[in-house]
Amino acid sequence: MSRFDSAKHPNVQVHDSAYVDEPCEIGAGTKIWHFSHIMAESRLGKNCNIGQNVVVSPRVVIGDNVKVQNNVSIYTGVVLEDDVFCGPSMVFTNIVNPRSEIVRRGKYQRTLVRRGASLGANCTLVCPVQIGRFAFVGAGAVVAKDVTDYALVVGVPAKRVGWVCRCGDRLPSTQDERIVCTSCGNEYANRDGTISPIKEVQDDD
């Protein structure tokens, strides 16, 4: 293990107590806080915030503007796209049938968290699973199946209880073919058990 070499990663802020193993990629503007460990061959994008006591395992891929709160371990096989939020102490997994006495490093499963999704505090993702774009996983939920774009899922096991806007607020419950967010005015098409964006004000930023 090695301490952080700022010459290899310009414009990256790393606390003195953190470890960064080489080689790895860390984008400009990213901050890594107390007691965290970035392992070799991982890739972190720009403007990420990696909280206290976070582990990023080898070959993990993290996009831009990702926020990882305290006490999260991101294991090999996990891919986080841009703008993902990982709440405090939420859990990823990468082996379906772990045994201490059996080495299964060649059987890591993939977890893909699509752009803009939020993973609430203490939730658990049971691999292999995909979390859709701008979906919202409630605190403490246990997700064992794929989650649709913009879905709000809660409970054990997690089930969809509604839809969320890109802004993060819950969308009105309706059977209408058009849903409008009462907070920001985003518009969505509601068809066949899925929703898709018609207009999102964030695209105008």
N, C-alpha and C. Protein backbone atom coordinates (compact mmCIF):
# COMPACT_ATOMS: atom_id res chain seq x y z
N MET A 1 0.84 -1.20 0.00
CA MET A 1 0.00 0.00 0.00
C MET A 1 0.88 1.24 0.00
N SER A 2 0.35 2.30 -0.58
CA SER A 2 1.12 3.53 -0.67
C SER A 2 0.26 4.72 -0.30
N ARG A 3 0.92 5.75 0.17
CA ARG A 3 0.22 7.00 0.40
C ARG A 3 -0.01 7.70 -0.93
N PHE A 4 -0.83 8.72 -0.91
CA PHE A 4 -1.24 9.41 -2.12
C PHE A 4 -0.09 10.19 -2.74
N ASP A 5 0.08 10.04 -4.05
CA ASP A 5 1.08 10.78 -4.81
C ASP A 5 0.37 11.86 -5.61
N SER A 6 0.39 13.08 -5.09
CA SER A 6 -0.36 14.17 -5.72
C SER A 6 0.13 14.49 -7.13
N ALA A 7 1.40 14.17 -7.42
CA ALA A 7 1.93 14.45 -8.75
C ALA A 7 1.24 13.63 -9.84
N LYS A 8 0.74 12.45 -9.45
CA LYS A 8 0.07 11.57 -10.42
C LYS A 8 -1.40 11.94 -10.61
N HIS A 9 -1.94 12.71 -9.68
CA HIS A 9 -3.37 13.02 -9.72
C HIS A 9 -3.57 14.50 -9.40
N PRO A 10 -3.30 15.38 -10.34
CA PRO A 10 -3.44 16.81 -10.07
C PRO A 10 -4.89 17.20 -9.79
N ASN A 11 -5.05 18.18 -8.93
CA ASN A 11 -6.37 18.72 -8.58
C ASN A 11 -7.28 17.69 -7.91
N VAL A 12 -6.66 16.75 -7.18
CA VAL A 12 -7.39 15.78 -6.38
C VAL A 12 -7.03 15.99 -4.92
N GLN A 13 -8.03 16.00 -4.04
CA GLN A 13 -7.80 16.23 -2.61
C GLN A 13 -7.96 14.92 -1.85
N VAL A 14 -6.91 14.49 -1.15
CA VAL A 14 -6.93 13.24 -0.40
C VAL A 14 -6.46 13.50 1.02
N HIS A 15 -7.24 13.06 2.01
CA HIS A 15 -6.85 13.25 3.40
C HIS A 15 -5.60 12.44 3.72
N ASP A 16 -4.80 12.94 4.65
CA ASP A 16 -3.53 12.29 5.00
C ASP A 16 -3.71 10.86 5.51
N SER A 17 -4.88 10.53 6.05
CA SER A 17 -5.10 9.20 6.60
C SER A 17 -5.56 8.19 5.54
N ALA A 18 -5.84 8.64 4.33
CA ALA A 18 -6.34 7.75 3.28
C ALA A 18 -5.18 7.10 2.53
N TYR A 19 -5.47 5.96 1.90
CA TYR A 19 -4.51 5.26 1.06
C TYR A 19 -5.01 5.22 -0.38
N VAL A 20 -4.08 5.44 -1.32
CA VAL A 20 -4.38 5.32 -2.74
C VAL A 20 -3.32 4.43 -3.37
N ASP A 21 -3.73 3.26 -3.87
CA ASP A 21 -2.81 2.31 -4.47
C ASP A 21 -2.69 2.59 -5.97
N GLU A 22 -1.48 2.46 -6.48
CA GLU A 22 -1.24 2.67 -7.91
C GLU A 22 -1.09 1.33 -8.62
N PRO A 23 -1.49 1.27 -9.92
CA PRO A 23 -2.06 2.37 -10.69
C PRO A 23 -3.57 2.48 -10.48
N CYS A 24 -4.07 3.71 -10.55
CA CYS A 24 -5.50 3.95 -10.55
C CYS A 24 -5.75 5.27 -11.24
N GLU A 25 -7.00 5.55 -11.55
CA GLU A 25 -7.37 6.81 -12.19
C GLU A 25 -8.31 7.58 -11.27
N ILE A 26 -8.01 8.86 -11.06
CA ILE A 26 -8.86 9.72 -10.23
C ILE A 26 -9.02 11.05 -10.96
N GLY A 27 -10.24 11.43 -11.25
CA GLY A 27 -10.50 12.65 -12.00
C GLY A 27 -10.33 13.91 -11.17
N ALA A 28 -10.07 15.00 -11.87
CA ALA A 28 -9.87 16.30 -11.22
C ALA A 28 -11.10 16.70 -10.42
N GLY A 29 -10.84 17.32 -9.28
CA GLY A 29 -11.91 17.81 -8.42
C GLY A 29 -12.45 16.80 -7.45
N THR A 30 -11.98 15.56 -7.51
CA THR A 30 -12.45 14.53 -6.59
C THR A 30 -11.82 14.70 -5.21
N LYS A 31 -12.60 14.41 -4.16
CA LYS A 31 -12.14 14.50 -2.78
C LYS A 31 -12.30 13.14 -2.11
N ILE A 32 -11.26 12.72 -1.39
CA ILE A 32 -11.26 11.44 -0.69
C ILE A 32 -10.95 11.71 0.77
N TRP A 33 -11.86 11.28 1.66
CA TRP A 33 -11.78 11.70 3.05
C TRP A 33 -11.16 10.64 3.96
N HIS A 34 -11.25 10.86 5.26
CA HIS A 34 -10.50 10.14 6.28
C HIS A 34 -10.63 8.62 6.17
N PHE A 35 -9.50 7.93 6.29
CA PHE A 35 -9.41 6.48 6.46
C PHE A 35 -9.97 5.68 5.28
N SER A 36 -10.08 6.30 4.12
CA SER A 36 -10.58 5.58 2.95
C SER A 36 -9.43 4.94 2.19
N HIS A 37 -9.76 3.94 1.37
CA HIS A 37 -8.75 3.17 0.65
C HIS A 37 -9.20 2.98 -0.80
N ILE A 38 -8.45 3.57 -1.72
CA ILE A 38 -8.69 3.41 -3.15
C ILE A 38 -7.68 2.39 -3.66
N MET A 39 -8.16 1.26 -4.16
CA MET A 39 -7.26 0.17 -4.52
C MET A 39 -6.86 0.24 -5.99
N ALA A 40 -5.79 -0.48 -6.32
CA ALA A 40 -5.19 -0.42 -7.65
C ALA A 40 -6.19 -0.84 -8.74
N GLU A 41 -6.04 -0.19 -9.90
CA GLU A 41 -6.82 -0.46 -11.11
C GLU A 41 -8.27 0.00 -11.02
N SER A 42 -8.60 0.75 -9.99
CA SER A 42 -9.93 1.35 -9.93
C SER A 42 -9.93 2.66 -10.71
N ARG A 43 -11.13 3.09 -11.10
CA ARG A 43 -11.28 4.33 -11.88
C ARG A 43 -12.35 5.19 -11.26
N LEU A 44 -11.96 6.39 -10.85
CA LEU A 44 -12.88 7.36 -10.28
C LEU A 44 -12.94 8.57 -11.20
N GLY A 45 -14.14 9.06 -11.45
CA GLY A 45 -14.30 10.19 -12.35
C GLY A 45 -14.02 11.53 -11.68
N LYS A 46 -14.45 12.58 -12.35
CA LYS A 46 -14.24 13.94 -11.88
C LYS A 46 -15.28 14.34 -10.84
N ASN A 47 -14.85 15.21 -9.92
CA ASN A 47 -15.74 15.87 -8.96
C ASN A 47 -16.55 14.87 -8.10
N CYS A 48 -15.92 13.76 -7.76
CA CYS A 48 -16.55 12.81 -6.84
C CYS A 48 -16.24 13.20 -5.40
N ASN A 49 -17.09 12.75 -4.50
CA ASN A 49 -16.84 12.94 -3.07
C ASN A 49 -16.90 11.57 -2.40
N ILE A 50 -15.75 11.10 -1.92
CA ILE A 50 -15.64 9.79 -1.30
C ILE A 50 -15.50 10.01 0.20
N GLY A 51 -16.50 9.60 0.96
CA GLY A 51 -16.57 9.92 2.38
C GLY A 51 -15.60 9.14 3.24
N GLN A 52 -15.79 9.20 4.54
CA GLN A 52 -14.90 8.55 5.50
C GLN A 52 -15.10 7.04 5.51
N ASN A 53 -13.98 6.29 5.62
CA ASN A 53 -14.01 4.84 5.78
C ASN A 53 -14.68 4.15 4.60
N VAL A 54 -14.33 4.58 3.39
CA VAL A 54 -14.84 3.98 2.16
C VAL A 54 -13.74 3.14 1.53
N VAL A 55 -14.10 1.96 1.01
CA VAL A 55 -13.17 1.11 0.27
C VAL A 55 -13.64 1.01 -1.17
N VAL A 56 -12.74 1.28 -2.10
CA VAL A 56 -13.00 1.10 -3.52
C VAL A 56 -12.07 0.00 -4.01
N SER A 57 -12.63 -1.14 -4.36
CA SER A 57 -11.83 -2.32 -4.69
C SER A 57 -11.27 -2.27 -6.11
N PRO A 58 -10.35 -3.17 -6.44
CA PRO A 58 -9.75 -3.18 -7.78
C PRO A 58 -10.79 -3.30 -8.89
N ARG A 59 -10.55 -2.54 -9.95
CA ARG A 59 -11.34 -2.56 -11.19
C ARG A 59 -12.76 -2.03 -11.02
N VAL A 60 -13.08 -1.44 -9.90
CA VAL A 60 -14.34 -0.72 -9.77
C VAL A 60 -14.30 0.50 -10.68
N VAL A 61 -15.45 0.81 -11.28
CA VAL A 61 -15.56 1.97 -12.17
C VAL A 61 -16.60 2.92 -11.58
N ILE A 62 -16.18 4.15 -11.35
CA ILE A 62 -17.06 5.18 -10.79
C ILE A 62 -17.04 6.38 -11.73
N GLY A 63 -18.22 6.88 -12.10
CA GLY A 63 -18.32 7.99 -13.03
C GLY A 63 -18.06 9.33 -12.38
N ASP A 64 -18.48 10.39 -13.07
CA ASP A 64 -18.29 11.75 -12.59
C ASP A 64 -19.37 12.13 -11.57
N ASN A 65 -19.00 13.02 -10.64
CA ASN A 65 -19.95 13.62 -9.71
C ASN A 65 -20.71 12.59 -8.88
N VAL A 66 -20.02 11.53 -8.50
CA VAL A 66 -20.60 10.49 -7.66
C VAL A 66 -20.31 10.84 -6.19
N LYS A 67 -21.32 10.69 -5.34
CA LYS A 67 -21.15 10.95 -3.91
C LYS A 67 -21.32 9.65 -3.14
N VAL A 68 -20.27 9.27 -2.42
CA VAL A 68 -20.28 8.04 -1.61
C VAL A 68 -20.15 8.46 -0.16
N GLN A 69 -21.19 8.21 0.63
CA GLN A 69 -21.18 8.60 2.03
C GLN A 69 -20.35 7.62 2.86
N ASN A 70 -20.23 7.89 4.16
CA ASN A 70 -19.34 7.13 5.04
C ASN A 70 -19.67 5.64 5.09
N ASN A 71 -18.62 4.83 5.26
CA ASN A 71 -18.74 3.41 5.59
C ASN A 71 -19.36 2.57 4.47
N VAL A 72 -18.97 2.86 3.23
CA VAL A 72 -19.44 2.08 2.09
C VAL A 72 -18.26 1.36 1.46
N SER A 73 -18.42 0.06 1.18
CA SER A 73 -17.41 -0.72 0.47
C SER A 73 -17.94 -1.02 -0.93
N ILE A 74 -17.17 -0.59 -1.94
CA ILE A 74 -17.58 -0.78 -3.33
C ILE A 74 -16.68 -1.86 -3.92
N TYR A 75 -17.26 -3.05 -4.15
CA TYR A 75 -16.47 -4.23 -4.47
C TYR A 75 -16.28 -4.40 -5.97
N THR A 76 -15.25 -5.17 -6.32
CA THR A 76 -14.99 -5.50 -7.72
C THR A 76 -16.25 -6.05 -8.37
N GLY A 77 -16.58 -5.54 -9.55
CA GLY A 77 -17.81 -5.91 -10.24
C GLY A 77 -18.86 -4.81 -10.22
N VAL A 78 -18.65 -3.80 -9.39
CA VAL A 78 -19.60 -2.70 -9.29
C VAL A 78 -19.21 -1.59 -10.26
N VAL A 79 -20.21 -1.08 -10.98
CA VAL A 79 -20.04 0.07 -11.87
C VAL A 79 -21.06 1.13 -11.47
N LEU A 80 -20.60 2.33 -11.16
CA LEU A 80 -21.47 3.46 -10.83
C LEU A 80 -21.35 4.49 -11.94
N GLU A 81 -22.43 4.78 -12.62
CA GLU A 81 -22.41 5.81 -13.65
C GLU A 81 -22.41 7.20 -13.02
N ASP A 82 -22.43 8.23 -13.85
CA ASP A 82 -22.36 9.61 -13.37
C ASP A 82 -23.52 9.93 -12.41
N ASP A 83 -23.25 10.80 -11.44
CA ASP A 83 -24.27 11.41 -10.59
C ASP A 83 -24.97 10.43 -9.65
N VAL A 84 -24.36 9.30 -9.37
CA VAL A 84 -24.94 8.34 -8.43
C VAL A 84 -24.68 8.80 -6.99
N PHE A 85 -25.66 8.56 -6.12
CA PHE A 85 -25.53 8.85 -4.69
C PHE A 85 -25.61 7.54 -3.91
N CYS A 86 -24.59 7.27 -3.08
CA CYS A 86 -24.56 6.10 -2.20
C CYS A 86 -24.69 6.56 -0.77
N GLY A 87 -25.79 6.23 -0.10
CA GLY A 87 -26.04 6.69 1.25
C GLY A 87 -25.16 6.01 2.28
N PRO A 88 -25.13 6.54 3.50
CA PRO A 88 -24.26 6.01 4.55
C PRO A 88 -24.50 4.53 4.82
N SER A 89 -23.40 3.77 4.85
CA SER A 89 -23.42 2.36 5.25
C SER A 89 -24.26 1.47 4.35
N MET A 90 -24.58 1.92 3.12
CA MET A 90 -25.27 1.01 2.21
C MET A 90 -24.30 -0.07 1.76
N VAL A 91 -24.83 -1.20 1.25
CA VAL A 91 -24.03 -2.39 1.03
C VAL A 91 -24.14 -2.88 -0.41
N PHE A 92 -22.97 -3.11 -1.03
CA PHE A 92 -22.89 -3.84 -2.29
C PHE A 92 -22.44 -5.27 -2.00
N THR A 93 -22.81 -6.21 -2.89
CA THR A 93 -22.29 -7.57 -2.82
C THR A 93 -21.76 -7.95 -4.21
N ASN A 94 -20.87 -8.94 -4.26
CA ASN A 94 -20.39 -9.38 -5.58
C ASN A 94 -20.23 -10.89 -5.73
N ILE A 95 -20.68 -11.65 -4.73
CA ILE A 95 -20.66 -13.10 -4.79
C ILE A 95 -22.05 -13.61 -4.38
N VAL A 96 -22.59 -14.55 -5.17
CA VAL A 96 -23.93 -15.05 -4.89
C VAL A 96 -23.92 -16.02 -3.72
N ASN A 97 -22.90 -16.88 -3.63
CA ASN A 97 -22.88 -17.94 -2.62
C ASN A 97 -21.54 -17.97 -1.88
N PRO A 98 -21.22 -16.95 -1.09
CA PRO A 98 -19.91 -16.87 -0.45
C PRO A 98 -19.70 -17.96 0.61
N ARG A 99 -18.47 -18.50 0.61
CA ARG A 99 -18.01 -19.38 1.68
C ARG A 99 -16.60 -18.96 2.03
N SER A 100 -16.31 -18.87 3.31
CA SER A 100 -14.99 -18.45 3.74
C SER A 100 -13.89 -19.39 3.25
N GLU A 101 -14.17 -20.69 3.20
CA GLU A 101 -13.14 -21.67 2.86
C GLU A 101 -12.97 -21.87 1.35
N ILE A 102 -13.85 -21.26 0.54
CA ILE A 102 -13.79 -21.45 -0.91
C ILE A 102 -13.50 -20.11 -1.58
N VAL A 103 -12.44 -20.06 -2.39
CA VAL A 103 -12.07 -18.83 -3.10
C VAL A 103 -12.91 -18.73 -4.37
N ARG A 104 -13.63 -17.62 -4.52
CA ARG A 104 -14.49 -17.43 -5.69
C ARG A 104 -14.16 -16.11 -6.39
N ARG A 105 -12.89 -15.75 -6.41
CA ARG A 105 -12.51 -14.47 -7.03
C ARG A 105 -12.84 -14.43 -8.52
N GLY A 106 -12.90 -15.58 -9.16
CA GLY A 106 -13.22 -15.59 -10.59
C GLY A 106 -14.70 -15.57 -10.88
N LYS A 107 -15.53 -15.45 -9.84
CA LYS A 107 -16.98 -15.52 -10.03
C LYS A 107 -17.68 -14.26 -9.53
N TYR A 108 -16.97 -13.15 -9.53
CA TYR A 108 -17.60 -11.90 -9.12
C TYR A 108 -18.75 -11.57 -10.06
N GLN A 109 -19.86 -11.14 -9.48
CA GLN A 109 -21.03 -10.74 -10.25
C GLN A 109 -21.04 -9.22 -10.46
N ARG A 110 -21.77 -8.79 -11.46
CA ARG A 110 -21.79 -7.37 -11.82
C ARG A 110 -23.01 -6.68 -11.21
N THR A 111 -22.78 -5.51 -10.66
CA THR A 111 -23.85 -4.60 -10.25
C THR A 111 -23.65 -3.29 -11.00
N LEU A 112 -24.67 -2.87 -11.71
CA LEU A 112 -24.62 -1.63 -12.49
C LEU A 112 -25.64 -0.66 -11.92
N VAL A 113 -25.16 0.52 -11.51
CA VAL A 113 -26.05 1.57 -11.03
C VAL A 113 -26.02 2.68 -12.07
N ARG A 114 -27.15 2.88 -12.71
CA ARG A 114 -27.21 3.81 -13.83
C ARG A 114 -27.23 5.27 -13.37
N ARG A 115 -27.08 6.15 -14.31
CA ARG A 115 -26.89 7.57 -14.04
C ARG A 115 -27.99 8.15 -13.12
N GLY A 116 -27.55 8.89 -12.11
CA GLY A 116 -28.45 9.68 -11.29
C GLY A 116 -29.20 8.92 -10.22
N ALA A 117 -29.00 7.61 -10.11
CA ALA A 117 -29.73 6.83 -9.11
C ALA A 117 -29.26 7.17 -7.70
N SER A 118 -30.17 7.03 -6.73
CA SER A 118 -29.86 7.26 -5.32
C SER A 118 -30.09 5.98 -4.54
N LEU A 119 -29.10 5.61 -3.72
CA LEU A 119 -29.16 4.41 -2.90
C LEU A 119 -29.20 4.84 -1.45
N GLY A 120 -30.32 4.62 -0.77
CA GLY A 120 -30.52 5.16 0.56
C GLY A 120 -29.66 4.50 1.62
N ALA A 121 -29.57 5.16 2.77
CA ALA A 121 -28.75 4.67 3.88
C ALA A 121 -29.13 3.25 4.26
N ASN A 122 -28.09 2.41 4.45
CA ASN A 122 -28.27 1.04 4.93
C ASN A 122 -29.02 0.11 3.98
N CYS A 123 -29.26 0.52 2.74
CA CYS A 123 -29.86 -0.42 1.80
C CYS A 123 -28.81 -1.44 1.37
N THR A 124 -29.27 -2.57 0.82
CA THR A 124 -28.39 -3.64 0.37
C THR A 124 -28.77 -4.03 -1.06
N LEU A 125 -27.77 -4.13 -1.93
CA LEU A 125 -27.98 -4.60 -3.30
C LEU A 125 -27.42 -6.00 -3.41
N VAL A 126 -28.29 -6.98 -3.69
CA VAL A 126 -27.88 -8.37 -3.81
C VAL A 126 -27.56 -8.65 -5.27
N CYS A 127 -26.30 -8.94 -5.56
CA CYS A 127 -25.84 -9.12 -6.92
C CYS A 127 -26.40 -10.41 -7.55
N PRO A 128 -26.49 -10.47 -8.91
CA PRO A 128 -26.26 -9.38 -9.85
C PRO A 128 -27.54 -8.57 -9.99
N VAL A 129 -27.40 -7.26 -10.11
CA VAL A 129 -28.58 -6.41 -10.17
C VAL A 129 -28.24 -5.13 -10.91
N GLN A 130 -29.27 -4.53 -11.52
CA GLN A 130 -29.10 -3.23 -12.17
C GLN A 130 -30.13 -2.26 -11.62
N ILE A 131 -29.65 -1.07 -11.25
CA ILE A 131 -30.51 0.01 -10.75
C ILE A 131 -30.66 1.02 -11.88
N GLY A 132 -31.90 1.32 -12.25
CA GLY A 132 -32.16 2.17 -13.40
C GLY A 132 -31.82 3.63 -13.19
N ARG A 133 -31.84 4.37 -14.28
CA ARG A 133 -31.52 5.80 -14.28
C ARG A 133 -32.49 6.56 -13.36
N PHE A 134 -31.92 7.37 -12.49
CA PHE A 134 -32.66 8.25 -11.59
C PHE A 134 -33.65 7.50 -10.68
N ALA A 135 -33.44 6.19 -10.53
CA ALA A 135 -34.23 5.43 -9.57
C ALA A 135 -33.85 5.84 -8.15
N PHE A 136 -34.70 5.46 -7.19
CA PHE A 136 -34.47 5.81 -5.78
C PHE A 136 -34.73 4.58 -4.93
N VAL A 137 -33.69 4.09 -4.26
CA VAL A 137 -33.81 2.95 -3.36
C VAL A 137 -33.91 3.49 -1.93
N GLY A 138 -35.01 3.18 -1.26
CA GLY A 138 -35.24 3.72 0.07
C GLY A 138 -34.29 3.16 1.12
N ALA A 139 -34.13 3.88 2.20
CA ALA A 139 -33.25 3.47 3.30
C ALA A 139 -33.66 2.10 3.82
N GLY A 140 -32.66 1.23 3.98
CA GLY A 140 -32.89 -0.09 4.55
C GLY A 140 -33.48 -1.12 3.62
N ALA A 141 -33.74 -0.76 2.37
CA ALA A 141 -34.31 -1.72 1.42
C ALA A 141 -33.30 -2.79 1.05
N VAL A 142 -33.80 -3.98 0.69
CA VAL A 142 -32.95 -5.06 0.20
C VAL A 142 -33.38 -5.35 -1.24
N VAL A 143 -32.50 -5.02 -2.17
CA VAL A 143 -32.82 -5.11 -3.60
C VAL A 143 -32.21 -6.37 -4.17
N ALA A 144 -33.06 -7.29 -4.65
CA ALA A 144 -32.59 -8.55 -5.22
C ALA A 144 -32.99 -8.71 -6.68
N LYS A 145 -33.70 -7.70 -7.23
CA LYS A 145 -34.10 -7.72 -8.64
C LYS A 145 -33.84 -6.35 -9.25
N ASP A 146 -33.73 -6.32 -10.57
CA ASP A 146 -33.47 -5.07 -11.27
C ASP A 146 -34.55 -4.04 -10.94
N VAL A 147 -34.13 -2.78 -10.92
CA VAL A 147 -35.02 -1.66 -10.62
C VAL A 147 -35.16 -0.80 -11.88
N THR A 148 -36.40 -0.48 -12.23
CA THR A 148 -36.70 0.29 -13.43
C THR A 148 -36.27 1.75 -13.28
N ASP A 149 -35.98 2.40 -14.41
CA ASP A 149 -35.69 3.83 -14.41
C ASP A 149 -36.77 4.59 -13.65
N TYR A 150 -36.36 5.54 -12.81
CA TYR A 150 -37.24 6.45 -12.08
C TYR A 150 -38.11 5.76 -11.01
N ALA A 151 -37.89 4.47 -10.76
CA ALA A 151 -38.72 3.78 -9.78
C ALA A 151 -38.31 4.13 -8.36
N LEU A 152 -39.29 4.20 -7.46
CA LEU A 152 -39.06 4.32 -6.03
C LEU A 152 -39.34 2.96 -5.42
N VAL A 153 -38.30 2.32 -4.83
CA VAL A 153 -38.47 1.00 -4.24
C VAL A 153 -38.12 1.05 -2.76
N VAL A 154 -38.90 0.34 -1.95
CA VAL A 154 -38.67 0.28 -0.51
C VAL A 154 -38.97 -1.12 -0.02
N GLY A 155 -38.48 -1.46 1.18
CA GLY A 155 -38.89 -2.67 1.85
C GLY A 155 -37.93 -3.84 1.68
N VAL A 156 -38.31 -4.97 2.31
CA VAL A 156 -37.53 -6.20 2.30
C VAL A 156 -38.47 -7.35 1.93
N PRO A 157 -38.40 -7.90 0.72
CA PRO A 157 -37.57 -7.43 -0.39
C PRO A 157 -38.13 -6.14 -0.97
N ALA A 158 -37.29 -5.40 -1.67
CA ALA A 158 -37.69 -4.10 -2.21
C ALA A 158 -38.77 -4.27 -3.28
N LYS A 159 -39.78 -3.41 -3.20
CA LYS A 159 -40.85 -3.38 -4.20
C LYS A 159 -41.10 -1.93 -4.61
N ARG A 160 -41.55 -1.78 -5.86
CA ARG A 160 -41.83 -0.42 -6.32
C ARG A 160 -43.12 0.08 -5.68
N VAL A 161 -43.05 1.30 -5.12
CA VAL A 161 -44.22 1.91 -4.50
C VAL A 161 -44.60 3.22 -5.18
N GLY A 162 -43.86 3.59 -6.20
CA GLY A 162 -44.16 4.83 -6.91
C GLY A 162 -43.04 5.18 -7.86
N TRP A 163 -43.08 6.42 -8.34
CA TRP A 163 -42.08 6.94 -9.25
C TRP A 163 -41.46 8.21 -8.65
N VAL A 164 -40.21 8.47 -9.01
CA VAL A 164 -39.56 9.70 -8.57
C VAL A 164 -39.10 10.51 -9.77
N CYS A 165 -39.16 11.81 -9.61
CA CYS A 165 -38.68 12.73 -10.63
C CYS A 165 -37.16 12.76 -10.63
N ARG A 166 -36.60 13.25 -11.69
CA ARG A 166 -35.16 13.44 -11.74
C ARG A 166 -34.67 14.35 -10.62
N CYS A 167 -35.51 15.27 -10.16
CA CYS A 167 -35.13 16.17 -9.08
C CYS A 167 -35.09 15.45 -7.72
N GLY A 168 -35.63 14.22 -7.65
CA GLY A 168 -35.61 13.45 -6.42
C GLY A 168 -36.91 13.43 -5.66
N ASP A 169 -37.87 14.26 -6.03
CA ASP A 169 -39.16 14.27 -5.35
C ASP A 169 -40.08 13.21 -5.96
N ARG A 170 -40.99 12.73 -5.14
CA ARG A 170 -41.93 11.71 -5.59
C ARG A 170 -42.93 12.31 -6.57
N LEU A 171 -43.21 11.58 -7.64
CA LEU A 171 -44.18 12.04 -8.63
C LEU A 171 -45.60 11.71 -8.18
N PRO A 172 -46.58 12.50 -8.62
CA PRO A 172 -47.97 12.21 -8.26
C PRO A 172 -48.39 10.83 -8.73
N SER A 173 -49.19 10.16 -7.91
CA SER A 173 -49.72 8.85 -8.27
C SER A 173 -50.93 9.03 -9.19
N THR A 174 -50.84 8.53 -10.41
CA THR A 174 -51.90 8.73 -11.38
C THR A 174 -51.83 7.67 -12.46
N GLN A 175 -52.95 7.39 -13.09
CA GLN A 175 -53.00 6.50 -14.25
C GLN A 175 -52.92 7.28 -15.55
N ASP A 176 -52.82 8.60 -15.45
CA ASP A 176 -52.74 9.41 -16.66
C ASP A 176 -51.49 9.07 -17.46
N GLU A 177 -51.55 9.29 -18.76
CA GLU A 177 -50.40 9.00 -19.62
C GLU A 177 -49.31 10.06 -19.52
N ARG A 178 -49.59 11.16 -18.82
CA ARG A 178 -48.61 12.23 -18.64
C ARG A 178 -48.56 12.58 -17.17
N ILE A 179 -47.34 12.58 -16.60
CA ILE A 179 -47.15 12.93 -15.20
C ILE A 179 -46.26 14.17 -15.13
N VAL A 180 -46.68 15.15 -14.32
CA VAL A 180 -45.91 16.39 -14.16
C VAL A 180 -45.45 16.48 -12.71
N CYS A 181 -44.16 16.72 -12.51
CA CYS A 181 -43.62 16.90 -11.16
C CYS A 181 -44.11 18.22 -10.59
N THR A 182 -44.69 18.18 -9.39
CA THR A 182 -45.21 19.40 -8.77
C THR A 182 -44.11 20.27 -8.19
N SER A 183 -42.88 19.74 -8.11
CA SER A 183 -41.77 20.52 -7.55
C SER A 183 -41.00 21.30 -8.61
N CYS A 184 -40.71 20.65 -9.76
CA CYS A 184 -39.85 21.32 -10.74
C CYS A 184 -40.46 21.41 -12.13
N GLY A 185 -41.61 20.77 -12.34
CA GLY A 185 -42.27 20.88 -13.63
C GLY A 185 -41.83 19.88 -14.68
N ASN A 186 -40.93 18.97 -14.34
CA ASN A 186 -40.55 17.92 -15.30
C ASN A 186 -41.78 17.13 -15.73
N GLU A 187 -41.75 16.67 -16.99
CA GLU A 187 -42.88 15.93 -17.55
C GLU A 187 -42.43 14.54 -17.98
N TYR A 188 -43.30 13.54 -17.72
CA TYR A 188 -42.98 12.15 -18.02
C TYR A 188 -44.15 11.46 -18.70
N ALA A 189 -43.82 10.54 -19.62
CA ALA A 189 -44.83 9.68 -20.24
C ALA A 189 -44.98 8.43 -19.39
N ASN A 190 -46.22 8.06 -19.12
CA ASN A 190 -46.56 6.93 -18.25
C ASN A 190 -47.24 5.86 -19.10
N ARG A 191 -46.46 4.84 -19.50
CA ARG A 191 -47.00 3.82 -20.39
C ARG A 191 -46.47 2.44 -20.03
N ASP A 192 -47.35 1.47 -20.01
CA ASP A 192 -46.99 0.06 -19.89
C ASP A 192 -46.11 -0.23 -18.66
N GLY A 193 -46.42 0.41 -17.56
CA GLY A 193 -45.71 0.14 -16.32
C GLY A 193 -44.33 0.74 -16.23
N THR A 194 -44.02 1.68 -17.10
CA THR A 194 -42.75 2.41 -17.03
C THR A 194 -43.03 3.88 -17.27
N ILE A 195 -42.06 4.72 -16.87
CA ILE A 195 -42.15 6.13 -17.25
C ILE A 195 -40.87 6.54 -17.97
N SER A 196 -41.02 7.52 -18.83
CA SER A 196 -39.88 8.03 -19.59
C SER A 196 -40.01 9.54 -19.70
N PRO A 197 -38.88 10.25 -19.75
CA PRO A 197 -38.94 11.71 -19.74
C PRO A 197 -39.48 12.30 -21.04
N ILE A 198 -40.35 13.28 -20.90
CA ILE A 198 -40.77 14.12 -22.03
C ILE A 198 -39.94 15.39 -22.04
N LYS A 199 -39.84 16.03 -20.87
CA LYS A 199 -39.04 17.23 -20.70
C LYS A 199 -38.51 17.26 -19.29
N GLU A 200 -37.21 17.50 -19.15
CA GLU A 200 -36.59 17.65 -17.84
C GLU A 200 -35.81 18.96 -17.81
N VAL A 201 -36.14 19.83 -16.86
CA VAL A 201 -35.54 21.15 -16.83
C VAL A 201 -34.03 21.06 -16.60
N GLN A 202 -33.56 19.98 -15.97
CA GLN A 202 -32.14 19.84 -15.72
C GLN A 202 -31.33 19.78 -17.01
N ASP A 203 -31.95 19.33 -18.11
CA ASP A 203 -31.25 19.29 -19.38
C ASP A 203 -30.94 20.67 -19.92
N ASP A 204 -31.63 21.70 -19.38
CA ASP A 204 -31.41 23.07 -19.83
C ASP A 204 -30.28 23.77 -19.09
N ASP A 205 -29.74 23.11 -18.04
CA ASP A 205 -28.69 23.75 -17.23
C ASP A 205 -27.41 23.93 -18.05
